[in-house]
Amino acid sequence: MIDIKLFAELLAKARNLEGLQSEEAAYLLDVQDPLLQEEIFLAAKEVKEKVYGSRIVFFAPLYLTNECDNDCLYCGFRRDNKLLERKTLSIDEVKMEVRLLVAEGHKRILLVAGEDFGAYPITSLVETIEIIYQTSDIRRINVNIAPMTVDKYKLLKGAGIGTYQLFQETYHGKTYAKMHPTGPKKDFDWRYTAIDRAMEAGIDDVGIGVLFGLFDPRFEVQALIRHCRDLEERWGVGPHTISVPRLKRAQGMKLESIPHPIDDQLFKVIVAVLRLAVPYTGIILSTREGAELRDELLHLGVSQLSAGSHPGPGGYHDRQNAGQFSIGDERTLAEMVHSVVGAGYLPSFCTACYRKSRIGKSFMDLAKTGVIGGKCLPNALITFNEYLHDYAVAGLREKGKELIEQEMGKMLPGDEAIVRNTLEELEKGKRDFPV
């Protein structure tokens, strides 16, 4: 039985950007009444817009190699998958993939690699990052790779990455051991403490996540929130992002069924409760989910979307290549931008925070007080203007300009003047105006 008074108090606390403790989040996850769930959804939408406004940030993953020393039961890249053709991209192939992503309008990418540092050592990754920055219009490179030592994380830091992502997959020890029977990934503690090593190395922004479906989602959400609090206590900074991938089928995966299947309604509650519990973080939704559900989750706290993605090396110039998991939303970036605009949200290709030193604790202080939205809106409008000018078809261009005018009406006069000035500079051929 739900205590309505307590329920209301928790939502009021969350709306005030105070976040929720793990036990409070678990209480909301147990709500079964559809009307009360709608109240959770509404609160999540309000919190997201208080912190980040209406913006939705776009990115694309770029897989460098599917070579892997692990045999994770749920993964298409697992070592013993004989159905998978192994591939590691050359520098020329990386450049080709990047050109295709830039041609679509992407400005930020996420580099991903299987755990085989023999096939793709950290020195090769650093070289790849430097070449992408030097030879393309990509402005921010995030990285999702396996745990390393502090010294190797320092090399990543020196290469100028944005966020370092690493997902625990499951926080349940026995399940973790079962799902990772062989390979370096079987060491739960080495993986869990990797985020701390990254922060010790000076990487200011980190991203964490859970692969929902491996264990009881209520346990996973509570553990995820506790991990956020642990990081805040140790480093004064919580995760910049939380990813919410849901386990999907993959070619050659060893699991015969999903251990803890999560229906769409519960998944929506999970996303909304995470937004309430950790209001300052960006919530990332991948193309694992279908188009209709992804559109719904825009209203429940999601703030970052991958678009036009392929989860395998070389997948942008050969989409027949097998990926790490099955894709649920195959819409192009252009189609996603159109959908987001149609829903009244503001597409953003912003990379300003990393270039204006709004990172780590500086970013968290702005995000926790809701002030970051004032920084996000001008940069979202500026980068969306660039996208409309360089990539959008005529119909979207008109709708986008209308949305920009609406959003500028919410701005302080000084900020509006900055954005309007960029419109003039764009017409002169100038680009990239981080503020």
Foldseek 3Di string as FASTA:
>chain_A
DDDVVLLVVLLVCLLQLVFDALVSLLSLLPDDDPVSLVVLQQSQLNLLCLQANQEFEEEEEAEFWLAAQWQQQQWPSGNPQPVADTDGDDLVLLVVLQVLVVQQPAQEYEYEYYPDCVRPNLVNVLVSLLCCVVPHNRDAYEYEYAFDALVSLLSVVVSQHAEYEYELQAPDLVLLCVRTVDDPSNPSVSRLCRVVSNVVSPRQAYEYEYAPQSDDVSVRLNVLLVSQVVCCVVPVFGHQEYEYHYRAHFRRRNDPDRNGDDDLSSSLSSQSSSCSRNVLHAYEYEQQAAPVSVLVSSSRNHRYYYFQYAAHHSCSVPVVRGHGHDGRYNHHPQVVCLSSLVVLGQYASAPQCSVVVCTHNNVSVCSSNSNVNLLNLLRSLLSVLVCLVNPHDDVVNVSNVVSSVVSLVVHDPVSSVVSVVSNVVVVVVDDDDRD
